[in-house]
């Protein structure tokens, strides 16, 4: 990886320190290393791939701070939604 795309942070420090020999990148996703004496569960591998995808999305282009955008739009509905924040009085 080039320095501008190097992944940093707790997830990637843990990957570099503990996982890179047992969880290898195959294309755009990670898989358990077939020859590893430590067997990772499919659930953990799926979790790591989701965490990696989130990291890639938030820190796209090697950004040092997370960036994302979103938009909201109203949808017609016959359901009333009430949002209450705080503690209910006793």
N, C-alpha and C. Protein backbone atom coordinates (compact mmCIF):
# COMPACT_ATOMS: atom_id res chain seq x y z
N UNK A 1 0.84 -1.19 0.00
CA UNK A 1 0.00 0.00 0.00
C UNK A 1 0.87 1.24 0.00
N UNK A 2 0.41 2.24 -0.69
CA UNK A 2 1.13 3.50 -0.64
C UNK A 2 0.84 4.17 0.69
N UNK A 3 1.68 5.08 1.09
CA UNK A 3 1.49 5.72 2.39
C UNK A 3 0.17 6.47 2.48
N UNK A 4 -0.32 6.99 1.34
CA UNK A 4 -1.58 7.73 1.40
C UNK A 4 -2.77 6.80 1.62
N UNK A 5 -2.62 5.51 1.33
CA UNK A 5 -3.72 4.57 1.51
C UNK A 5 -3.49 3.64 2.70
N UNK A 6 -2.41 3.85 3.44
CA UNK A 6 -2.13 3.00 4.60
C UNK A 6 -3.24 3.14 5.62
N UNK A 7 -3.69 2.02 6.14
CA UNK A 7 -4.79 2.04 7.10
C UNK A 7 -4.21 2.16 8.50
N UNK A 8 -4.79 3.07 9.29
CA UNK A 8 -4.33 3.28 10.65
C UNK A 8 -5.53 3.14 11.59
N UNK A 9 -5.30 3.23 12.86
CA UNK A 9 -6.37 3.13 13.84
C UNK A 9 -6.34 1.79 14.54
N UNK A 10 -7.22 1.64 15.52
CA UNK A 10 -7.23 0.44 16.36
C UNK A 10 -7.51 -0.83 15.57
N UNK A 11 -8.46 -0.78 14.63
CA UNK A 11 -8.78 -1.98 13.84
C UNK A 11 -7.56 -2.46 13.08
N UNK A 12 -6.89 -1.53 12.43
CA UNK A 12 -5.76 -1.91 11.58
C UNK A 12 -4.51 -2.23 12.39
N UNK A 13 -4.35 -1.61 13.55
CA UNK A 13 -3.24 -1.97 14.43
C UNK A 13 -3.43 -3.41 14.92
N UNK A 14 -4.67 -3.77 15.28
CA UNK A 14 -4.97 -5.14 15.70
C UNK A 14 -4.75 -6.11 14.55
N UNK A 15 -5.19 -5.72 13.36
CA UNK A 15 -4.98 -6.58 12.19
C UNK A 15 -3.48 -6.82 11.96
N UNK A 16 -2.71 -5.73 11.94
CA UNK A 16 -1.26 -5.86 11.69
C UNK A 16 -0.57 -6.67 12.77
N UNK A 17 -0.98 -6.50 14.02
CA UNK A 17 -0.32 -7.16 15.15
C UNK A 17 -0.74 -8.62 15.32
N UNK A 18 -2.03 -8.92 15.12
CA UNK A 18 -2.54 -10.25 15.47
C UNK A 18 -3.14 -11.06 14.32
N UNK A 19 -3.66 -10.38 13.29
CA UNK A 19 -4.47 -11.11 12.32
C UNK A 19 -3.87 -11.31 10.94
N UNK A 20 -2.89 -10.53 10.54
CA UNK A 20 -2.50 -10.54 9.14
C UNK A 20 -1.95 -11.88 8.65
N UNK A 21 -1.51 -12.75 9.53
CA UNK A 21 -1.06 -14.07 9.09
C UNK A 21 -2.19 -15.09 9.03
N UNK A 22 -3.32 -14.80 9.68
CA UNK A 22 -4.43 -15.75 9.69
C UNK A 22 -5.66 -15.24 8.96
N UNK A 23 -5.66 -13.96 8.58
CA UNK A 23 -6.77 -13.35 7.85
C UNK A 23 -6.15 -12.55 6.71
N UNK A 24 -6.28 -13.07 5.49
CA UNK A 24 -5.58 -12.48 4.36
C UNK A 24 -6.55 -11.82 3.39
N UNK A 25 -6.08 -10.76 2.74
CA UNK A 25 -6.92 -10.05 1.78
C UNK A 25 -6.91 -10.81 0.46
N UNK A 26 -8.09 -11.07 -0.05
CA UNK A 26 -8.26 -11.72 -1.35
C UNK A 26 -9.12 -10.81 -2.20
N UNK A 27 -8.50 -10.04 -3.07
CA UNK A 27 -9.26 -9.06 -3.86
C UNK A 27 -9.73 -7.93 -2.96
N UNK A 28 -11.05 -7.77 -2.88
CA UNK A 28 -11.60 -6.67 -2.08
C UNK A 28 -12.10 -7.11 -0.71
N UNK A 29 -11.89 -8.37 -0.35
CA UNK A 29 -12.36 -8.84 0.95
C UNK A 29 -11.30 -9.70 1.63
N UNK A 30 -11.55 -10.01 2.88
CA UNK A 30 -10.63 -10.81 3.68
C UNK A 30 -11.18 -12.21 3.87
N UNK A 31 -10.26 -13.19 3.89
CA UNK A 31 -10.62 -14.59 4.11
C UNK A 31 -9.66 -15.20 5.12
N UNK A 32 -10.13 -16.23 5.80
CA UNK A 32 -9.26 -16.96 6.70
C UNK A 32 -8.17 -17.63 5.88
N UNK A 33 -6.93 -17.54 6.34
CA UNK A 33 -5.81 -18.17 5.64
C UNK A 33 -5.98 -19.68 5.73
N UNK A 34 -6.01 -20.36 4.59
CA UNK A 34 -6.28 -21.80 4.61
C UNK A 34 -5.24 -22.62 5.37
N UNK A 35 -3.98 -22.21 5.36
CA UNK A 35 -2.93 -22.99 6.02
C UNK A 35 -2.71 -22.59 7.48
N UNK A 36 -3.50 -21.67 7.98
CA UNK A 36 -3.30 -21.19 9.34
C UNK A 36 -3.69 -22.26 10.36
N UNK A 37 -2.88 -22.44 11.41
CA UNK A 37 -3.25 -23.39 12.47
C UNK A 37 -4.41 -22.87 13.33
N UNK A 38 -4.64 -21.57 13.26
CA UNK A 38 -5.76 -20.97 14.00
C UNK A 38 -6.91 -20.81 13.03
N UNK A 39 -8.04 -21.40 13.36
CA UNK A 39 -9.21 -21.34 12.49
C UNK A 39 -10.14 -20.23 12.96
N UNK A 40 -10.43 -19.30 12.07
CA UNK A 40 -11.35 -18.20 12.37
C UNK A 40 -12.76 -18.63 12.00
N UNK A 41 -13.72 -18.21 12.79
CA UNK A 41 -15.10 -18.54 12.49
C UNK A 41 -15.59 -17.71 11.31
N UNK A 42 -16.50 -18.25 10.51
CA UNK A 42 -17.08 -17.48 9.41
C UNK A 42 -17.75 -16.19 9.91
N UNK A 43 -18.30 -16.22 11.10
CA UNK A 43 -18.95 -15.03 11.67
C UNK A 43 -17.91 -13.93 11.90
N UNK A 44 -16.74 -14.30 12.43
CA UNK A 44 -15.70 -13.30 12.66
C UNK A 44 -15.19 -12.73 11.33
N UNK A 45 -14.98 -13.59 10.35
CA UNK A 45 -14.50 -13.13 9.04
C UNK A 45 -15.52 -12.17 8.43
N UNK A 46 -16.80 -12.50 8.53
CA UNK A 46 -17.85 -11.62 8.01
C UNK A 46 -17.84 -10.28 8.75
N UNK A 47 -17.69 -10.32 10.09
CA UNK A 47 -17.61 -9.09 10.87
C UNK A 47 -16.43 -8.24 10.41
N UNK A 48 -15.27 -8.86 10.25
CA UNK A 48 -14.09 -8.11 9.86
C UNK A 48 -14.27 -7.47 8.49
N UNK A 49 -14.89 -8.19 7.57
CA UNK A 49 -15.15 -7.62 6.25
C UNK A 49 -16.10 -6.43 6.32
N UNK A 50 -17.11 -6.48 7.19
CA UNK A 50 -18.00 -5.34 7.37
C UNK A 50 -17.25 -4.16 8.00
N UNK A 51 -16.41 -4.44 8.99
CA UNK A 51 -15.62 -3.37 9.63
C UNK A 51 -14.66 -2.75 8.63
N UNK A 52 -14.05 -3.56 7.79
CA UNK A 52 -13.15 -3.06 6.76
C UNK A 52 -13.90 -2.20 5.75
N UNK A 53 -15.08 -2.64 5.34
CA UNK A 53 -15.89 -1.87 4.38
C UNK A 53 -16.30 -0.52 4.98
N UNK A 54 -16.66 -0.51 6.26
CA UNK A 54 -17.01 0.74 6.92
C UNK A 54 -15.80 1.66 6.99
N UNK A 55 -14.65 1.11 7.34
CA UNK A 55 -13.42 1.90 7.39
C UNK A 55 -13.12 2.49 6.02
N UNK A 56 -13.23 1.68 4.97
CA UNK A 56 -12.98 2.17 3.62
C UNK A 56 -13.95 3.28 3.24
N UNK A 57 -15.20 3.13 3.63
CA UNK A 57 -16.22 4.13 3.28
C UNK A 57 -16.00 5.45 4.03
N UNK A 58 -15.70 5.36 5.31
CA UNK A 58 -15.54 6.57 6.12
C UNK A 58 -14.22 7.28 5.85
N UNK A 59 -13.19 6.52 5.56
CA UNK A 59 -11.86 7.10 5.36
C UNK A 59 -11.43 6.92 3.90
N UNK A 60 -12.32 7.19 2.97
CA UNK A 60 -12.01 6.97 1.55
C UNK A 60 -10.88 7.88 1.08
N UNK A 61 -10.10 7.35 0.17
CA UNK A 61 -9.00 8.13 -0.39
C UNK A 61 -7.87 8.39 0.58
N UNK A 62 -7.79 7.61 1.67
CA UNK A 62 -6.72 7.81 2.64
C UNK A 62 -6.94 8.99 3.56
N UNK A 63 -8.17 9.46 3.69
CA UNK A 63 -8.46 10.59 4.57
C UNK A 63 -8.06 10.28 6.01
N UNK A 64 -7.63 11.29 6.73
CA UNK A 64 -7.22 11.08 8.13
C UNK A 64 -8.39 11.28 9.10
N UNK A 65 -9.46 11.89 8.63
CA UNK A 65 -10.66 12.04 9.44
C UNK A 65 -11.83 11.43 8.68
N UNK A 66 -12.82 10.89 9.39
CA UNK A 66 -13.93 10.27 8.67
C UNK A 66 -14.78 11.30 7.94
N UNK A 67 -15.22 10.90 6.76
CA UNK A 67 -16.09 11.77 5.96
C UNK A 67 -17.23 10.93 5.42
N UNK A 68 -18.42 11.47 5.47
CA UNK A 68 -19.56 10.81 4.86
C UNK A 68 -20.62 11.85 4.58
N UNK A 69 -21.50 11.53 3.69
CA UNK A 69 -22.61 12.43 3.39
C UNK A 69 -23.89 11.62 3.36
N UNK A 70 -24.97 12.30 3.56
CA UNK A 70 -26.27 11.64 3.55
C UNK A 70 -27.32 12.67 3.17
N UNK A 71 -28.46 12.18 2.80
CA UNK A 71 -29.58 13.08 2.52
C UNK A 71 -30.84 12.47 3.12
N UNK A 72 -31.74 13.34 3.49
CA UNK A 72 -33.01 12.92 4.07
C UNK A 72 -34.13 13.42 3.18
N UNK A 73 -35.14 12.63 3.08
CA UNK A 73 -36.31 13.09 2.35
C UNK A 73 -37.55 12.56 3.06
N UNK A 74 -38.59 13.32 2.95
CA UNK A 74 -39.83 12.89 3.59
C UNK A 74 -40.56 11.94 2.66
N UNK A 75 -41.19 10.97 3.28
CA UNK A 75 -41.98 10.01 2.54
C UNK A 75 -43.42 10.11 3.02
N UNK A 76 -44.35 9.98 2.12
CA UNK A 76 -45.75 10.01 2.55
C UNK A 76 -46.02 8.82 3.48
N UNK A 77 -46.74 9.09 4.55
CA UNK A 77 -47.00 8.03 5.51
C UNK A 77 -48.24 8.36 6.31
N UNK A 78 -48.92 7.35 6.73
CA UNK A 78 -50.05 7.54 7.62
C UNK A 78 -49.68 7.14 9.05
N UNK A 79 -48.39 6.98 9.30
CA UNK A 79 -47.90 6.61 10.62
C UNK A 79 -47.34 7.85 11.30
N UNK A 80 -47.78 8.10 12.51
CA UNK A 80 -47.27 9.22 13.28
C UNK A 80 -46.07 8.75 14.08
N UNK A 81 -45.00 9.48 14.01
CA UNK A 81 -43.78 9.14 14.73
C UNK A 81 -43.54 10.22 15.77
N UNK A 82 -43.29 9.78 17.01
CA UNK A 82 -43.02 10.71 18.10
C UNK A 82 -41.64 10.35 18.64
N UNK A 83 -40.78 11.32 18.70
CA UNK A 83 -39.45 11.14 19.25
C UNK A 83 -39.38 11.86 20.58
N UNK A 84 -39.11 11.11 21.64
CA UNK A 84 -38.97 11.71 22.98
C UNK A 84 -37.56 11.44 23.45
N UNK A 85 -36.93 12.48 23.92
CA UNK A 85 -35.58 12.35 24.45
C UNK A 85 -35.58 12.85 25.88
N UNK A 86 -35.02 12.08 26.76
CA UNK A 86 -34.95 12.48 28.16
C UNK A 86 -35.50 11.40 29.06
N UNK A 87 -35.59 11.73 30.33
CA UNK A 87 -36.07 10.79 31.35
C UNK A 87 -37.52 11.05 31.62
N UNK A 88 -38.27 9.99 31.65
CA UNK A 88 -39.70 10.08 31.95
C UNK A 88 -39.88 10.44 33.42
N UNK A 89 -40.68 11.48 33.74
CA UNK A 89 -40.88 11.84 35.16
C UNK A 89 -41.57 10.71 35.91
N UNK A 90 -41.23 10.57 37.17
CA UNK A 90 -41.83 9.53 38.02
C UNK A 90 -43.21 9.91 38.47
